[in-house]
Amino acid sequence: MNARTEPEEAEPVSPARPPIVRELLLVAGLFLVYKLGRQLATGHTAEAFRNAGDVWHAERWLRLPGEGAVQSLLLHGDVLVRGANTYYATVHFPATLAFLVWLYLRRPAHYVWARRVLAAVTAAALVLHLAFPLAPPRMLAAAGLMDTARVYGPSVYGPPQTDQLSNQFAAMPSLHFGWALMVAVGLIVATRSRWRWLWLLHPLVTLLVIVGTANHYWLDAVVAGGLLGLVLAAIQAPARTTTTAGRGGLRPVRAGAREHVLVGAGR
């Protein structure tokens, strides 16, 4: 066997993109389930505030830093706190959607993996939202925190009693943080740039924003990160690919297949 025929056996075909219409429906369904599923947890106000007190005391027992320390930094200037509110209100969905679109166009195999991970994390989070309704720290008097979005704007929430578009008692786990962390992990796994680790700034900024605006506790992010870790352990990322020259030009092959090609070329 020579170098011309060996690559044909070892070389996996570049994964085809899933049908665009089906994927649009699936991703739209994911976002819809996220929004509608949270509505199922409404109407548990008393339980949500009891759980909030328990989470607050648990954080103090664990000696986690107070959420107020982050908020006090944001309140040093109107621009900073409004910027945090804007980040919370506008980055979450667009960043995740842009991440999926880029993977679909440039890394189809990683797109399928990321979509499955996000769907699994979201489904598990909705179950926890139903089982453990939780009032955010901005509603908990013991926390002594300001609802920065209501005071400075912009705000994505109305009064809890009249807000029909969102469930404000679904703080744990924080999908704001969970999705942001998955965006960073997905881009780190799917790309090779030495600067790719800078994507971790997205979940870091998201963490500071959700805590500083008093929309989430530290433990909301901890649970989201743990949940994502479990899902990533269960749903393996696709193997990295590289390229090799053939009769049709550059073609993607897996790293192991590339070693096999080089061995065959020397025969």
Protein backbone atom coordinates (compact mmCIF):
# COMPACT_ATOMS: atom_id res chain seq x y z
CA MET A 1 0.00 0.00 0.00
CA ASN A 2 1.38 3.40 -0.90
CA ALA A 3 0.92 7.00 0.16
CA ARG A 4 -1.80 7.58 -2.44
CA THR A 5 -4.16 4.90 -1.20
CA GLU A 6 -3.48 5.06 2.55
CA PRO A 7 -5.18 8.42 3.19
CA GLU A 8 -8.34 7.20 1.53
CA GLU A 9 -8.75 4.51 4.21
CA ALA A 10 -7.70 6.56 7.23
CA GLU A 11 -9.34 9.83 6.33
CA PRO A 12 -12.76 10.54 7.84
CA VAL A 13 -15.15 12.54 5.74
CA SER A 14 -15.64 16.11 6.92
CA PRO A 15 -18.95 16.16 8.84
CA ALA A 16 -21.82 17.60 6.89
CA ARG A 17 -23.83 20.44 8.35
CA PRO A 18 -27.22 19.37 9.71
CA PRO A 19 -30.22 20.59 7.68
CA ILE A 20 -30.61 24.31 8.33
CA VAL A 21 -34.40 24.29 8.70
CA ARG A 22 -34.30 21.48 11.24
CA GLU A 23 -31.59 23.24 13.22
CA LEU A 24 -33.44 26.55 13.22
CA LEU A 25 -36.48 24.76 14.62
CA LEU A 26 -34.41 22.92 17.22
CA VAL A 27 -32.59 26.04 18.42
CA ALA A 28 -35.80 28.08 18.43
CA GLY A 29 -37.41 25.27 20.40
CA LEU A 30 -34.54 25.33 22.90
CA PHE A 31 -35.01 29.04 23.54
CA LEU A 32 -38.80 28.62 23.70
CA VAL A 33 -38.60 25.77 26.19
CA TYR A 34 -36.21 27.88 28.25
CA LYS A 35 -38.70 30.73 28.40
CA LEU A 36 -41.89 28.72 28.79
CA GLY A 37 -40.41 26.13 31.14
CA ARG A 38 -39.50 28.81 33.66
CA GLN A 39 -43.15 29.82 33.79
CA LEU A 40 -44.03 26.45 35.31
CA ALA A 41 -42.23 27.41 38.50
CA THR A 42 -44.31 30.52 39.16
CA GLY A 43 -46.66 30.72 42.11
CA HIS A 44 -44.22 29.43 44.75
CA THR A 45 -43.41 32.78 46.34
CA ALA A 46 -43.27 31.68 49.98
CA GLU A 47 -41.11 28.65 49.19
CA ALA A 48 -38.85 30.78 46.99
CA PHE A 49 -38.16 33.21 49.84
CA ARG A 50 -37.58 30.39 52.34
CA ASN A 51 -35.06 28.86 49.95
CA ALA A 52 -33.43 32.26 49.46
CA GLY A 53 -32.86 32.55 53.19
CA ASP A 54 -31.35 29.07 53.26
CA VAL A 55 -29.00 29.84 50.36
CA TRP A 56 -27.93 33.11 51.93
CA HIS A 57 -27.10 31.43 55.25
CA ALA A 58 -25.36 28.55 53.45
CA GLU A 59 -23.09 31.02 51.66
CA ARG A 60 -22.20 32.68 54.95
CA TRP A 61 -21.50 29.27 56.51
CA LEU A 62 -19.25 28.45 53.54
CA ARG A 63 -17.56 31.83 54.05
CA LEU A 64 -18.19 32.89 50.46
CA PRO A 65 -17.61 36.59 49.79
CA GLY A 66 -20.72 38.69 50.11
CA GLU A 67 -22.48 39.61 46.89
CA GLY A 68 -22.53 43.17 48.20
CA ALA A 69 -18.77 43.45 47.70
CA VAL A 70 -19.22 43.14 43.93
CA GLN A 71 -22.22 45.45 43.89
CA SER A 72 -20.35 48.15 45.79
CA LEU A 73 -17.72 48.16 43.04
CA LEU A 74 -20.39 48.64 40.37
CA LEU A 75 -21.98 51.48 42.31
CA HIS A 76 -18.82 53.59 42.10
CA GLY A 77 -20.15 55.09 38.88
CA ASP A 78 -23.41 55.30 36.95
CA VAL A 79 -21.71 54.24 33.72
CA LEU A 80 -20.36 51.08 35.31
CA VAL A 81 -23.61 49.97 36.90
CA ARG A 82 -25.66 50.78 33.79
CA GLY A 83 -23.11 48.88 31.72
CA ALA A 84 -23.55 45.85 33.97
CA ASN A 85 -27.34 46.07 33.69
CA THR A 86 -27.07 46.35 29.91
CA TYR A 87 -24.73 43.36 29.74
CA TYR A 88 -27.20 41.30 31.78
CA ALA A 89 -30.13 42.36 29.63
CA THR A 90 -28.63 42.14 26.13
CA VAL A 91 -25.67 39.75 25.92
CA HIS A 92 -27.06 36.43 27.21
CA PHE A 93 -29.18 35.29 24.25
CA PRO A 94 -27.32 37.01 21.36
CA ALA A 95 -23.92 35.67 22.47
CA THR A 96 -25.23 32.12 22.72
CA LEU A 97 -26.99 32.38 19.37
CA ALA A 98 -23.88 33.83 17.67
CA PHE A 99 -21.83 30.99 19.16
CA LEU A 100 -24.17 28.36 17.69
CA VAL A 101 -24.31 30.07 14.30
CA TRP A 102 -20.51 30.28 14.07
CA LEU A 103 -20.11 26.62 15.00
CA TYR A 104 -22.78 25.62 12.49
CA LEU A 105 -20.95 27.43 9.68
CA ARG A 106 -17.35 26.64 10.64
CA ARG A 107 -17.37 23.58 12.93
CA PRO A 108 -20.42 21.41 12.16
CA ALA A 109 -19.38 18.50 14.38
CA HIS A 110 -18.74 20.84 17.31
CA TYR A 111 -22.05 22.55 16.62
CA VAL A 112 -24.00 19.32 17.13
CA TRP A 113 -22.05 18.63 20.31
CA ALA A 114 -22.60 22.15 21.70
CA ARG A 115 -26.29 22.12 20.86
CA ARG A 116 -26.74 18.82 22.68
CA VAL A 117 -24.84 20.10 25.71
CA LEU A 118 -26.86 23.32 25.89
CA ALA A 119 -30.12 21.41 25.52
CA ALA A 120 -29.18 18.98 28.30
CA VAL A 121 -28.03 21.74 30.64
CA THR A 122 -31.18 23.75 30.00
CA ALA A 123 -33.46 20.75 30.60
CA ALA A 124 -31.69 19.87 33.85
CA ALA A 125 -31.80 23.51 34.98
CA LEU A 126 -35.55 23.69 34.39
CA VAL A 127 -36.04 20.62 36.57
CA LEU A 128 -34.08 22.32 39.35
CA HIS A 129 -36.08 25.51 38.88
CA LEU A 130 -39.25 23.52 39.47
CA ALA A 131 -37.85 21.58 42.42
CA PHE A 132 -36.13 24.52 44.09
CA PRO A 133 -37.79 27.89 43.42
CA LEU A 134 -35.46 30.64 44.59
CA ALA A 135 -35.92 34.37 45.02
CA PRO A 136 -32.88 36.34 43.77
CA PRO A 137 -30.81 38.35 46.27
CA ARG A 138 -32.28 41.65 45.03
CA MET A 139 -35.59 40.51 46.59
CA LEU A 140 -34.11 39.24 49.86
CA ALA A 141 -34.18 41.87 52.61
CA ALA A 142 -31.45 40.09 54.59
CA ALA A 143 -29.04 40.55 51.68
CA GLY A 144 -29.33 44.34 51.81
CA LEU A 145 -28.71 44.60 48.07
CA MET A 146 -30.06 47.08 45.54
CA ASP A 147 -32.04 46.09 42.48
CA THR A 148 -29.65 47.98 40.21
CA ALA A 149 -31.72 47.42 37.07
CA ARG A 150 -34.80 48.97 38.66
CA VAL A 151 -32.87 51.97 40.01
CA TYR A 152 -30.49 52.68 37.14
CA GLY A 153 -31.93 50.72 34.19
CA PRO A 154 -32.27 49.03 31.86
CA SER A 155 -34.40 46.35 33.45
CA VAL A 156 -35.69 43.14 31.88
CA TYR A 157 -38.11 42.42 34.73
CA GLY A 158 -41.32 44.01 35.87
CA PRO A 159 -42.86 43.71 39.34
CA PRO A 160 -42.94 39.98 40.25
CA GLN A 161 -46.68 40.10 40.87
CA THR A 162 -47.46 41.33 37.35
CA ASP A 163 -44.53 40.05 35.27
CA GLN A 164 -46.03 37.49 32.89
CA LEU A 165 -42.96 37.13 30.65
CA SER A 166 -40.46 35.61 33.07
CA ASN A 167 -40.22 33.62 36.25
CA GLN A 168 -38.16 35.66 38.68
CA PHE A 169 -38.00 32.80 41.19
CA ALA A 170 -35.77 30.60 39.00
CA ALA A 171 -32.38 31.83 40.20
CA MET A 172 -30.66 28.46 40.73
CA PRO A 173 -28.87 27.38 38.65
CA SER A 174 -27.95 30.49 36.71
CA LEU A 175 -28.33 29.77 33.01
CA HIS A 176 -26.81 33.17 32.35
CA PHE A 177 -23.58 31.79 33.76
CA GLY A 178 -24.03 28.21 32.54
CA TRP A 179 -24.56 29.23 28.92
CA ALA A 180 -21.73 31.79 29.06
CA LEU A 181 -19.35 29.14 30.39
CA MET A 182 -20.40 26.72 27.64
CA VAL A 183 -19.78 29.39 24.99
CA ALA A 184 -16.23 29.81 26.31
CA VAL A 185 -15.60 26.06 26.63
CA GLY A 186 -17.01 25.41 23.16
CA LEU A 187 -14.85 28.04 21.49
CA ILE A 188 -11.74 26.88 23.34
CA VAL A 189 -12.36 23.29 22.25
CA ALA A 190 -13.29 24.12 18.66
CA THR A 191 -10.48 26.57 17.88
CA ARG A 192 -6.69 26.47 18.00
CA SER A 193 -5.65 30.11 18.44
CA ARG A 194 -3.29 30.72 21.34
CA TRP A 195 -5.64 33.56 22.32
CA ARG A 196 -8.67 31.29 22.61
CA TRP A 197 -8.41 31.15 26.42
CA LEU A 198 -9.49 34.79 26.47
CA TRP A 199 -13.01 33.51 25.81
CA LEU A 200 -13.11 32.73 29.54
CA LEU A 201 -13.54 36.47 30.07
CA HIS A 202 -17.15 36.08 28.93
CA PRO A 203 -18.25 33.81 31.80
CA LEU A 204 -16.06 35.79 34.22
CA VAL A 205 -17.71 39.08 33.29
CA THR A 206 -21.10 37.37 33.31
CA LEU A 207 -20.45 36.07 36.83
CA LEU A 208 -19.54 39.52 38.12
CA VAL A 209 -22.56 41.04 36.40
CA ILE A 210 -25.16 38.55 37.66
CA VAL A 211 -23.84 38.83 41.21
CA GLY A 212 -23.22 42.58 41.20
CA THR A 213 -26.70 43.36 39.87
CA ALA A 214 -28.16 41.12 42.62
CA ASN A 215 -29.86 38.80 40.17
CA HIS A 216 -27.98 35.71 41.39
CA TYR A 217 -26.11 34.29 44.35
CA TRP A 218 -22.60 32.86 44.06
CA LEU A 219 -24.08 29.40 44.58
CA ASP A 220 -26.32 29.84 41.52
CA ALA A 221 -23.17 30.01 39.40
CA VAL A 222 -21.47 27.17 41.30
CA VAL A 223 -24.43 24.86 40.68
CA ALA A 224 -24.58 25.90 37.00
CA GLY A 225 -20.88 25.19 36.57
CA GLY A 226 -21.19 21.80 38.27
CA LEU A 227 -24.19 20.91 36.13
CA LEU A 228 -22.31 21.84 32.96
CA GLY A 229 -19.35 19.76 34.08
CA LEU A 230 -21.55 16.69 34.50
CA VAL A 231 -23.11 17.16 31.07
CA LEU A 232 -19.72 17.66 29.42
CA ALA A 233 -18.51 14.43 31.03
CA ALA A 234 -21.52 12.59 29.58
CA ILE A 235 -21.48 14.20 26.11
CA GLN A 236 -17.99 13.98 24.70
CA ALA A 237 -16.63 16.66 22.38
CA PRO A 238 -15.68 15.55 18.84
CA ALA A 239 -12.04 14.83 18.10
CA ARG A 240 -9.92 17.69 16.86
CA THR A 241 -9.20 17.66 13.14
CA THR A 242 -6.26 18.79 11.04
CA THR A 243 -5.65 18.77 7.32
CA THR A 244 -3.66 16.72 4.83
CA ALA A 245 -2.97 17.20 1.16
CA GLY A 246 -4.55 14.84 -1.31
CA ARG A 247 -5.71 14.74 -4.87
CA GLY A 248 -8.57 17.08 -4.00
CA GLY A 249 -6.44 19.56 -2.09
CA LEU A 250 -6.47 20.02 1.68
CA ARG A 251 -8.79 17.63 3.49
CA PRO A 252 -9.56 17.25 7.21
CA VAL A 253 -8.35 14.18 9.07
CA ARG A 254 -8.24 13.23 12.74
CA ALA A 255 -4.93 13.46 14.55
CA GLY A 256 -4.59 9.68 14.83
CA ALA A 257 -5.38 9.20 11.16
CA ARG A 258 -2.69 11.75 10.26
CA GLU A 259 -0.03 9.65 12.00
CA HIS A 260 -1.21 6.62 10.04
CA VAL A 261 -0.93 8.58 6.77
CA LEU A 262 2.63 9.60 7.51
CA VAL A 263 3.62 6.01 8.29
CA GLY A 264 2.09 4.80 5.03
CA ALA A 265 3.89 7.50 3.08
CA GLY A 266 7.21 6.11 4.14
CA ARG A 267 6.58 2.57 2.88
